[in-house]
Amino acid sequence: MADALTQAGFTCLAATDSFGAPFGGTICTHEAMSTSAFTLHKAVAVYVPSATSGVVRHIVLYLQGFRGVCGDTGTTPADVMNVFDLAQQMQADSLPDSVLVFPMSGGHDTTYYHDFATTTGPFAEFMNWIETIVGRGRWSLAGHSGAGDVIAKSLNLNPSTITKFDAIELLDAAYRIHHVASRFGSKLALWQTIAERNPSLTLTCIGNGTYSGCQILAEQAGFTTVVVTETQVIHCEIPNTYFGPWLHRAGPTADEPRISRTARY
């Protein structure tokens, strides 16, 4: 897999933590790029766990929203992933033959709005580009710190991508749905469209504090399978606490039964 990424213009290195100690797997990074199909203003990284073979069956896309509130998270995708233990959790907890795709956040969600959530096309083309390199797999999508806005808008602008996802995890990322008058109007309508187009999609929603976005999604958006957790874990530690356990549930195989509905408050 690292060879395919290298041939596509990525630079691949052994994965190391913030102290420089290797923990397994390979992180491959592609700098900002522009093609006729889409533009990335920041680097994108693909983490390949050591257990992943040449055939990828599961692609996890992670969008980090606001990160300035979590202190200095560094300047590279590897830096940000280390702050939230994303690659380490992929190494320890992901399904076999998985990869993690991490487009670099610019420090807040405006980077993703510019790249993915303003016009039809770029988000779908980005997914297609990843698939031409790593192969076609079952997609899951996780987001933290307000990234729910970008997820909802990007999927609605690119409806053909909605059915590609088996699972979405919102890691304290849905709080803006609480505010009906906002950048894109009602977020609930966007999530209702996602639920209608992909009835089998599993939504996991982690909420912190007084915001009721998770409950609103569970009760009103219409998803068949919902897991809602209200937590006292501080905002910046939620990915470190909940991303790894979610990886065990994301992307069920075709013969695995799905629960009809679970709501946990």
C-alpha atoms as a PDB file:
ATOM      1  CA  MET A   1       0.000   0.000   0.000  1.00  0.00           C
ATOM      2  CA  ALA A   2       2.840   2.414   0.779  1.00  0.00           C
ATOM      3  CA  ASP A   3       4.217   1.783  -2.709  1.00  0.00           C
ATOM      4  CA  ALA A   4       0.900   2.796  -4.297  1.00  0.00           C
ATOM      5  CA  LEU A   5       0.786   5.959  -2.207  1.00  0.00           C
ATOM      6  CA  THR A   6       4.382   6.814  -3.076  1.00  0.00           C
ATOM      7  CA  GLN A   7       3.636   6.416  -6.773  1.00  0.00           C
ATOM      8  CA  ALA A   8       0.715   8.827  -6.329  1.00  0.00           C
ATOM      9  CA  GLY A   9       3.021  11.537  -4.968  1.00  0.00           C
ATOM     10  CA  PHE A  10       2.827  10.854  -1.242  1.00  0.00           C
ATOM     11  CA  THR A  11       5.892  10.870   1.006  1.00  0.00           C
ATOM     12  CA  CYS A  12       5.812   7.853   3.319  1.00  0.00           C
ATOM     13  CA  LEU A  13       7.576   7.465   6.677  1.00  0.00           C
ATOM     14  CA  ALA A  14       7.314   5.104   9.615  1.00  0.00           C
ATOM     15  CA  ALA A  15       4.664   6.365  12.038  1.00  0.00           C
ATOM     16  CA  THR A  16       6.001   7.857  15.276  1.00  0.00           C
ATOM     17  CA  ASP A  17       4.327   9.469  18.252  1.00  0.00           C
ATOM     18  CA  SER A  18       4.933  13.014  19.503  1.00  0.00           C
ATOM     19  CA  PHE A  19       8.103  11.824  21.266  1.00  0.00           C
ATOM     20  CA  GLY A  20       9.515  10.246  18.098  1.00  0.00           C
ATOM     21  CA  ALA A  21       8.868   6.655  19.176  1.00  0.00           C
ATOM     22  CA  PRO A  22       7.540   4.296  16.472  1.00  0.00           C
ATOM     23  CA  PHE A  23       4.216   2.584  17.169  1.00  0.00           C
ATOM     24  CA  GLY A  24       3.711   0.700  13.906  1.00  0.00           C
ATOM     25  CA  GLY A  25       2.350   1.419  10.479  1.00  0.00           C
ATOM     26  CA  THR A  26       3.188   4.105   7.937  1.00  0.00           C
ATOM     27  CA  ILE A  27       2.091   7.716   7.538  1.00  0.00           C
ATOM     28  CA  CYS A  28       2.061   8.994   3.961  1.00  0.00           C
ATOM     29  CA  THR A  29       1.573  12.717   3.311  1.00  0.00           C
ATOM     30  CA  HIS A  30       0.659  14.602   0.137  1.00  0.00           C
ATOM     31  CA  GLU A  31       1.114  18.360   0.088  1.00  0.00           C
ATOM     32  CA  ALA A  32      -1.484  20.859  -1.088  1.00  0.00           C
ATOM     33  CA  MET A  33      -2.548  20.169  -4.640  1.00  0.00           C
ATOM     34  CA  SER A  34      -4.889  21.335  -7.357  1.00  0.00           C
ATOM     35  CA  THR A  35      -6.329  19.305 -10.221  1.00  0.00           C
ATOM     36  CA  SER A  36      -9.092  19.918 -12.739  1.00  0.00           C
ATOM     37  CA  ALA A  37     -11.451  18.046 -10.404  1.00  0.00           C
ATOM     38  CA  PHE A  38     -10.721  19.415  -6.952  1.00  0.00           C
ATOM     39  CA  THR A  39      -8.375  21.533  -4.832  1.00  0.00           C
ATOM     40  CA  LEU A  40      -6.762  20.839  -1.489  1.00  0.00           C
ATOM     41  CA  HIS A  41      -5.329  23.900   0.229  1.00  0.00           C
ATOM     42  CA  LYS A  42      -3.699  21.830   2.971  1.00  0.00           C
ATOM     43  CA  ALA A  43      -1.832  18.528   3.078  1.00  0.00           C
ATOM     44  CA  VAL A  44      -3.634  15.196   3.316  1.00  0.00           C
ATOM     45  CA  ALA A  45      -2.248  12.168   5.148  1.00  0.00           C
ATOM     46  CA  VAL A  46      -3.051   8.484   4.806  1.00  0.00           C
ATOM     47  CA  TYR A  47      -2.132   6.259   7.727  1.00  0.00           C
ATOM     48  CA  VAL A  48      -1.646   2.571   6.901  1.00  0.00           C
ATOM     49  CA  PRO A  49      -1.645   0.283   9.982  1.00  0.00           C
ATOM     50  CA  SER A  50       0.951  -2.453  10.033  1.00  0.00           C
ATOM     51  CA  ALA A  51      -1.739  -5.144   9.687  1.00  0.00           C
ATOM     52  CA  THR A  52      -3.121  -3.698   6.452  1.00  0.00           C
ATOM     53  CA  SER A  53      -2.274  -5.769   3.400  1.00  0.00           C
ATOM     54  CA  GLY A  54      -2.349  -4.741  -0.241  1.00  0.00           C
ATOM     55  CA  VAL A  55      -6.157  -4.936  -0.332  1.00  0.00           C
ATOM     56  CA  VAL A  56      -7.979  -2.179   1.557  1.00  0.00           C
ATOM     57  CA  ARG A  57     -11.473  -3.065   2.737  1.00  0.00           C
ATOM     58  CA  HIS A  58     -12.210  -0.144   5.024  1.00  0.00           C
ATOM     59  CA  ILE A  59     -11.444   3.563   4.583  1.00  0.00           C
ATOM     60  CA  VAL A  60     -11.901   5.871   7.593  1.00  0.00           C
ATOM     61  CA  LEU A  61     -12.117   9.564   6.703  1.00  0.00           C
ATOM     62  CA  TYR A  62     -11.495  11.916   9.643  1.00  0.00           C
ATOM     63  CA  LEU A  63     -12.286  15.642   9.555  1.00  0.00           C
ATOM     64  CA  GLN A  64     -10.988  17.808  12.405  1.00  0.00           C
ATOM     65  CA  GLY A  65     -12.977  21.004  12.835  1.00  0.00           C
ATOM     66  CA  PHE A  66     -11.806  23.692  15.245  1.00  0.00           C
ATOM     67  CA  ARG A  67      -8.460  22.821  16.788  1.00  0.00           C
ATOM     68  CA  GLY A  68      -7.259  26.158  18.133  1.00  0.00           C
ATOM     69  CA  VAL A  69      -9.306  25.545  21.278  1.00  0.00           C
ATOM     70  CA  CYS A  70      -7.176  22.455  21.945  1.00  0.00           C
ATOM     71  CA  GLY A  71      -3.898  24.351  22.149  1.00  0.00           C
ATOM     72  CA  ASP A  72      -0.910  23.955  19.852  1.00  0.00           C
ATOM     73  CA  THR A  73      -1.655  20.913  17.726  1.00  0.00           C
ATOM     74  CA  GLY A  74       1.325  21.368  15.413  1.00  0.00           C
ATOM     75  CA  THR A  75       1.694  22.157  11.735  1.00  0.00           C
ATOM     76  CA  THR A  76       1.537  18.767  10.003  1.00  0.00           C
ATOM     77  CA  PRO A  77      -1.180  16.104   9.715  1.00  0.00           C
ATOM     78  CA  ALA A  78       0.990  13.757  11.775  1.00  0.00           C
ATOM     79  CA  ASP A  79       1.173  16.374  14.549  1.00  0.00           C
ATOM     80  CA  VAL A  80      -2.604  16.746  14.703  1.00  0.00           C
ATOM     81  CA  MET A  81      -3.180  13.002  14.558  1.00  0.00           C
ATOM     82  CA  ASN A  82      -0.768  12.534  17.476  1.00  0.00           C
ATOM     83  CA  VAL A  83      -2.579  15.086  19.633  1.00  0.00           C
ATOM     84  CA  PHE A  84      -5.784  13.087  19.277  1.00  0.00           C
ATOM     85  CA  ASP A  85      -4.118   9.629  19.091  1.00  0.00           C
ATOM     86  CA  LEU A  86      -5.842   8.933  15.785  1.00  0.00           C
ATOM     87  CA  ALA A  87      -3.175   6.817  14.109  1.00  0.00           C
ATOM     88  CA  GLN A  88      -2.319   4.995  17.345  1.00  0.00           C
ATOM     89  CA  GLN A  89      -5.972   4.063  17.763  1.00  0.00           C
ATOM     90  CA  MET A  90      -6.160   2.900  14.156  1.00  0.00           C
ATOM     91  CA  GLN A  91      -3.135   0.685  14.789  1.00  0.00           C
ATOM     92  CA  ALA A  92      -4.692  -0.792  17.924  1.00  0.00           C
ATOM     93  CA  ASP A  93      -8.406  -0.897  17.177  1.00  0.00           C
ATOM     94  CA  SER A  94      -9.237  -0.726  13.461  1.00  0.00           C
ATOM     95  CA  LEU A  95     -10.743  -3.517  11.418  1.00  0.00           C
ATOM     96  CA  PRO A  96      -8.303  -5.557   9.304  1.00  0.00           C
ATOM     97  CA  ASP A  97      -7.107  -3.974   6.064  1.00  0.00           C
ATOM     98  CA  SER A  98      -8.097  -0.432   7.039  1.00  0.00           C
ATOM     99  CA  VAL A  99      -6.572   2.963   6.282  1.00  0.00           C
ATOM    100  CA  LEU A 100      -7.135   6.374   7.860  1.00  0.00           C
ATOM    101  CA  VAL A 101      -7.482   9.396   5.562  1.00  0.00           C
ATOM    102  CA  PHE A 102      -6.830  12.719   7.278  1.00  0.00           C
ATOM    103  CA  PRO A 103      -7.051  16.015   5.349  1.00  0.00           C
ATOM    104  CA  MET A 104      -5.236  18.673   7.378  1.00  0.00           C
ATOM    105  CA  SER A 105      -7.408  21.165   9.194  1.00  0.00           C
ATOM    106  CA  GLY A 106      -6.272  24.759   8.927  1.00  0.00           C
ATOM    107  CA  GLY A 107      -6.980  25.375  12.601  1.00  0.00           C
ATOM    108  CA  HIS A 108     -10.735  25.770  12.183  1.00  0.00           C
ATOM    109  CA  ASP A 109     -13.351  24.455   9.813  1.00  0.00           C
ATOM    110  CA  THR A 110     -13.039  27.175   7.163  1.00  0.00           C
ATOM    111  CA  THR A 111     -10.453  25.107   5.274  1.00  0.00           C
ATOM    112  CA  TYR A 112     -12.988  22.339   4.697  1.00  0.00           C
ATOM    113  CA  TYR A 113     -15.734  24.771   3.786  1.00  0.00           C
ATOM    114  CA  HIS A 114     -13.494  26.186   1.087  1.00  0.00           C
ATOM    115  CA  ASP A 115     -12.337  22.800  -0.216  1.00  0.00           C
ATOM    116  CA  PHE A 116     -15.382  20.555   0.183  1.00  0.00           C
ATOM    117  CA  ALA A 117     -18.511  22.366   1.324  1.00  0.00           C
ATOM    118  CA  THR A 118     -19.083  25.310  -0.998  1.00  0.00           C
ATOM    119  CA  THR A 119     -19.805  23.720  -4.396  1.00  0.00           C
ATOM    120  CA  THR A 120     -20.876  20.390  -5.820  1.00  0.00           C
ATOM    121  CA  GLY A 121     -18.053  18.106  -6.915  1.00  0.00           C
ATOM    122  CA  PRO A 122     -14.835  18.468  -4.904  1.00  0.00           C
ATOM    123  CA  PHE A 123     -15.802  16.164  -2.019  1.00  0.00           C
ATOM    124  CA  ALA A 124     -16.873  13.342  -4.337  1.00  0.00           C
ATOM    125  CA  GLU A 125     -13.807  13.817  -6.500  1.00  0.00           C
ATOM    126  CA  PHE A 126     -11.569  13.712  -3.433  1.00  0.00           C
ATOM    127  CA  MET A 127     -13.096  10.370  -2.441  1.00  0.00           C
ATOM    128  CA  ASN A 128     -12.665   9.066  -5.984  1.00  0.00           C
ATOM    129  CA  TRP A 129      -9.014  10.158  -5.947  1.00  0.00           C
ATOM    130  CA  ILE A 130      -8.383   8.269  -2.715  1.00  0.00           C
ATOM    131  CA  GLU A 131     -10.043   5.154  -4.141  1.00  0.00           C
ATOM    132  CA  THR A 132      -7.891   5.229  -7.264  1.00  0.00           C
ATOM    133  CA  ILE A 133      -4.841   4.970  -4.979  1.00  0.00           C
ATOM    134  CA  VAL A 134      -5.855   2.665  -2.110  1.00  0.00           C
ATOM    135  CA  GLY A 135      -8.695   0.777  -3.787  1.00  0.00           C
ATOM    136  CA  ARG A 136     -12.440   0.744  -3.261  1.00  0.00           C
ATOM    137  CA  GLY A 137     -13.399   0.022   0.318  1.00  0.00           C
ATOM    138  CA  ARG A 138     -16.307   0.561   2.672  1.00  0.00           C
ATOM    139  CA  TRP A 139     -16.128   4.121   4.013  1.00  0.00           C
ATOM    140  CA  SER A 140     -16.696   5.434   7.516  1.00  0.00           C
ATOM    141  CA  LEU A 141     -16.523   9.084   8.523  1.00  0.00           C
ATOM    142  CA  ALA A 142     -15.561  10.669  11.839  1.00  0.00           C
ATOM    143  CA  GLY A 143     -15.406  14.330  12.782  1.00  0.00           C
ATOM    144  CA  HIS A 144     -14.554  16.386  15.868  1.00  0.00           C
ATOM    145  CA  SER A 145     -15.182  19.888  17.138  1.00  0.00           C
ATOM    146  CA  GLY A 146     -17.845  21.316  14.848  1.00  0.00           C
ATOM    147  CA  ALA A 147     -16.910  19.203  11.820  1.00  0.00           C
ATOM    148  CA  GLY A 148     -20.519  18.030  11.700  1.00  0.00           C
ATOM    149  CA  ASP A 149     -21.336  21.169   9.713  1.00  0.00           C
ATOM    150  CA  VAL A 150     -18.823  20.269   7.022  1.00  0.00           C
ATOM    151  CA  ILE A 151     -19.902  16.624   6.964  1.00  0.00           C
ATOM    152  CA  ALA A 152     -23.585  17.465   6.511  1.00  0.00           C
ATOM    153  CA  LYS A 153     -22.969  20.113   3.861  1.00  0.00           C
ATOM    154  CA  SER A 154     -20.403  18.059   1.899  1.00  0.00           C
ATOM    155  CA  LEU A 155     -22.627  14.984   1.755  1.00  0.00           C
ATOM    156  CA  ASN A 156     -25.647  17.005   0.686  1.00  0.00           C
ATOM    157  CA  LEU A 157     -23.672  18.732  -2.067  1.00  0.00           C
ATOM    158  CA  ASN A 158     -22.452  15.319  -3.245  1.00  0.00           C
ATOM    159  CA  PRO A 159     -25.422  12.972  -2.719  1.00  0.00           C
ATOM    160  CA  SER A 160     -23.793  10.137  -4.674  1.00  0.00           C
ATOM    161  CA  THR A 161     -21.310   9.753  -1.815  1.00  0.00           C
ATOM    162  CA  ILE A 162     -23.900   9.247   0.931  1.00  0.00           C
ATOM    163  CA  THR A 163     -24.471   5.559   0.221  1.00  0.00           C
ATOM    164  CA  LYS A 164     -20.706   4.869   0.315  1.00  0.00           C
ATOM    165  CA  PHE A 165     -20.625   5.384   4.076  1.00  0.00           C
ATOM    166  CA  ASP A 166     -21.494   2.654   6.574  1.00  0.00           C
ATOM    167  CA  ALA A 167     -21.044   4.760   9.698  1.00  0.00           C
ATOM    168  CA  ILE A 168     -20.542   8.321  10.912  1.00  0.00           C
ATOM    169  CA  GLU A 169     -19.153   9.306  14.303  1.00  0.00           C
ATOM    170  CA  LEU A 170     -19.662  12.858  15.529  1.00  0.00           C
ATOM    171  CA  LEU A 171     -17.142  13.521  18.303  1.00  0.00           C
ATOM    172  CA  ASP A 172     -18.630  16.597  19.951  1.00  0.00           C
ATOM    173  CA  ALA A 173     -19.136  17.789  16.389  1.00  0.00           C
ATOM    174  CA  ALA A 174     -22.905  18.299  16.212  1.00  0.00           C
ATOM    175  CA  TYR A 175     -23.366  21.119  18.684  1.00  0.00           C
ATOM    176  CA  ARG A 176     -24.149  23.690  16.008  1.00  0.00           C
ATOM    177  CA  ILE A 177     -27.347  21.902  15.113  1.00  0.00           C
ATOM    178  CA  HIS A 178     -28.634  23.392  18.374  1.00  0.00           C
ATOM    179  CA  HIS A 179     -28.575  26.819  16.739  1.00  0.00           C
ATOM    180  CA  VAL A 180     -31.233  26.825  14.022  1.00  0.00           C
ATOM    181  CA  ALA A 181     -30.155  30.160  12.531  1.00  0.00           C
ATOM    182  CA  SER A 182     -26.567  29.568  11.473  1.00  0.00           C
ATOM    183  CA  ARG A 183     -24.229  29.487   8.532  1.00  0.00           C
ATOM    184  CA  PHE A 184     -26.266  27.021   6.477  1.00  0.00           C
ATOM    185  CA  GLY A 185     -29.647  27.463   8.095  1.00  0.00           C
ATOM    186  CA  SER A 186     -31.124  24.385   9.729  1.00  0.00           C
ATOM    187  CA  LYS A 187     -28.581  21.562   9.946  1.00  0.00           C
ATOM    188  CA  LEU A 188     -31.359  19.157  10.800  1.00  0.00           C
ATOM    189  CA  ALA A 189     -32.720  19.225   7.245  1.00  0.00           C
ATOM    190  CA  LEU A 190     -29.270  18.272   5.902  1.00  0.00           C
ATOM    191  CA  TRP A 191     -29.039  15.309   8.279  1.00  0.00           C
ATOM    192  CA  GLN A 192     -32.575  14.223   7.425  1.00  0.00           C
ATOM    193  CA  THR A 193     -31.563  14.043   3.769  1.00  0.00           C
ATOM    194  CA  ILE A 194     -28.552  11.898   4.659  1.00  0.00           C
ATOM    195  CA  ALA A 195     -30.759   9.524   6.680  1.00  0.00           C
ATOM    196  CA  GLU A 196     -33.288   9.257   3.845  1.00  0.00           C
ATOM    197  CA  ARG A 197     -30.667   8.500   1.198  1.00  0.00           C
ATOM    198  CA  ASN A 198     -28.827   5.914   3.314  1.00  0.00           C
ATOM    199  CA  PRO A 199     -31.274   4.207   5.699  1.00  0.00           C
ATOM    200  CA  SER A 200     -28.659   1.623   6.767  1.00  0.00           C
ATOM    201  CA  LEU A 201     -26.106   4.203   7.876  1.00  0.00           C
ATOM    202  CA  THR A 202     -25.155   4.008  11.564  1.00  0.00           C
ATOM    203  CA  LEU A 203     -24.801   7.332  13.384  1.00  0.00           C
ATOM    204  CA  THR A 204     -22.785   7.581  16.588  1.00  0.00           C
ATOM    205  CA  CYS A 205     -23.034  10.959  18.291  1.00  0.00           C
ATOM    206  CA  ILE A 206     -20.959  12.038  21.291  1.00  0.00           C
ATOM    207  CA  GLY A 207     -22.049  15.241  23.025  1.00  0.00           C
ATOM    208  CA  ASN A 208     -20.468  17.358  25.746  1.00  0.00           C
ATOM    209  CA  GLY A 209     -21.953  20.150  27.817  1.00  0.00           C
ATOM    210  CA  THR A 210     -25.377  21.740  27.485  1.00  0.00           C
ATOM    211  CA  TYR A 211     -25.773  21.523  23.703  1.00  0.00           C
ATOM    212  CA  SER A 212     -28.573  19.227  22.549  1.00  0.00           C
ATOM    213  CA  GLY A 213     -27.417  18.489  19.001  1.00  0.00           C
ATOM    214  CA  CYS A 214     -26.981  14.754  19.630  1.00  0.00           C
ATOM    215  CA  GLN A 215     -30.473  14.354  21.036  1.00  0.00           C
ATOM    216  CA  ILE A 216     -31.989  16.358  18.173  1.00  0.00           C
ATOM    217  CA  LEU A 217     -30.290  14.134  15.598  1.00  0.00           C
ATOM    218  CA  ALA A 218     -31.359  10.961  17.394  1.00  0.00           C
ATOM    219  CA  GLU A 219     -34.961  12.022  17.841  1.00  0.00           C
ATOM    220  CA  GLN A 220     -35.704  13.975  14.663  1.00  0.00           C
ATOM    221  CA  ALA A 221     -33.254  13.185  11.857  1.00  0.00           C
ATOM    222  CA  GLY A 222     -34.678   9.732  11.114  1.00  0.00           C
ATOM    223  CA  PHE A 223     -31.611   7.490  11.277  1.00  0.00           C
ATOM    224  CA  THR A 224     -32.467   3.809  11.747  1.00  0.00           C
ATOM    225  CA  THR A 225     -29.449   3.072  13.937  1.00  0.00           C
ATOM    226  CA  VAL A 226     -28.308   5.725  16.391  1.00  0.00           C
ATOM    227  CA  VAL A 227     -25.998   5.585  19.397  1.00  0.00           C
ATOM    228  CA  VAL A 228     -26.061   8.776  21.470  1.00  0.00           C
ATOM    229  CA  THR A 229     -23.694   9.406  24.363  1.00  0.00           C
ATOM    230  CA  GLU A 230     -23.699  12.476  26.561  1.00  0.00           C
ATOM    231  CA  THR A 231     -20.300  12.669  28.234  1.00  0.00           C
ATOM    232  CA  GLN A 232     -18.437  14.688  30.804  1.00  0.00           C
ATOM    233  CA  VAL A 233     -15.108  14.005  29.055  1.00  0.00           C
ATOM    234  CA  ILE A 234     -13.604  17.365  28.137  1.00  0.00           C
ATOM    235  CA  HIS A 235     -13.980  18.443  24.530  1.00  0.00           C
ATOM    236  CA  CYS A 236     -10.337  18.036  23.475  1.00  0.00           C
ATOM    237  CA  GLU A 237     -10.090  14.524  24.969  1.00  0.00           C
ATOM    238  CA  ILE A 238     -13.210  13.113  23.321  1.00  0.00           C
ATOM    239  CA  PRO A 239     -11.381  11.728  20.232  1.00  0.00           C
ATOM    240  CA  ASN A 240      -8.794  10.055  22.496  1.00  0.00           C
ATOM    241  CA  THR A 241     -11.605   8.421  24.475  1.00  0.00           C
ATOM    242  CA  TYR A 242     -14.219   7.493  21.866  1.00  0.00           C
ATOM    243  CA  PHE A 243     -12.567   7.139  18.439  1.00  0.00           C
ATOM    244  CA  GLY A 244     -10.885   3.789  19.131  1.00  0.00           C
ATOM    245  CA  PRO A 245     -13.972   2.033  20.564  1.00  0.00           C
ATOM    246  CA  TRP A 246     -16.034   3.284  17.609  1.00  0.00           C
ATOM    247  CA  LEU A 247     -13.575   1.706  15.178  1.00  0.00           C
ATOM    248  CA  HIS A 248     -14.684  -1.716  16.438  1.00  0.00           C
ATOM    249  CA  ARG A 249     -18.262  -0.982  15.329  1.00  0.00           C
ATOM    250  CA  ALA A 250     -17.658   1.017  12.153  1.00  0.00           C
ATOM    251  CA  GLY A 251     -18.031  -0.680   8.793  1.00  0.00           C
ATOM    252  CA  PRO A 252     -19.861  -3.927   9.668  1.00  0.00           C
ATOM    253  CA  THR A 253     -19.515  -6.771   7.211  1.00  0.00           C
ATOM    254  CA  ALA A 254     -22.509  -7.700   5.114  1.00  0.00           C
ATOM    255  CA  ASP A 255     -23.428 -10.731   7.225  1.00  0.00           C
ATOM    256  CA  GLU A 256     -23.350  -8.869  10.556  1.00  0.00           C
ATOM    257  CA  PRO A 257     -26.804  -7.962  11.932  1.00  0.00           C
ATOM    258  CA  ARG A 258     -27.520  -4.292  12.578  1.00  0.00           C
ATOM    259  CA  ILE A 259     -29.324  -3.198  15.721  1.00  0.00           C
ATOM    260  CA  SER A 260     -32.667  -1.551  14.976  1.00  0.00           C
ATOM    261  CA  ARG A 261     -32.069   1.460  17.190  1.00  0.00           C
ATOM    262  CA  THR A 262     -30.020   2.234  20.249  1.00  0.00           C
ATOM    263  CA  ALA A 263     -30.151   5.537  22.080  1.00  0.00           C
ATOM    264  CA  ARG A 264     -27.864   5.955  25.068  1.00  0.00           C
ATOM    265  CA  TYR A 265     -28.064   9.146  27.151  1.00  0.00           C
END
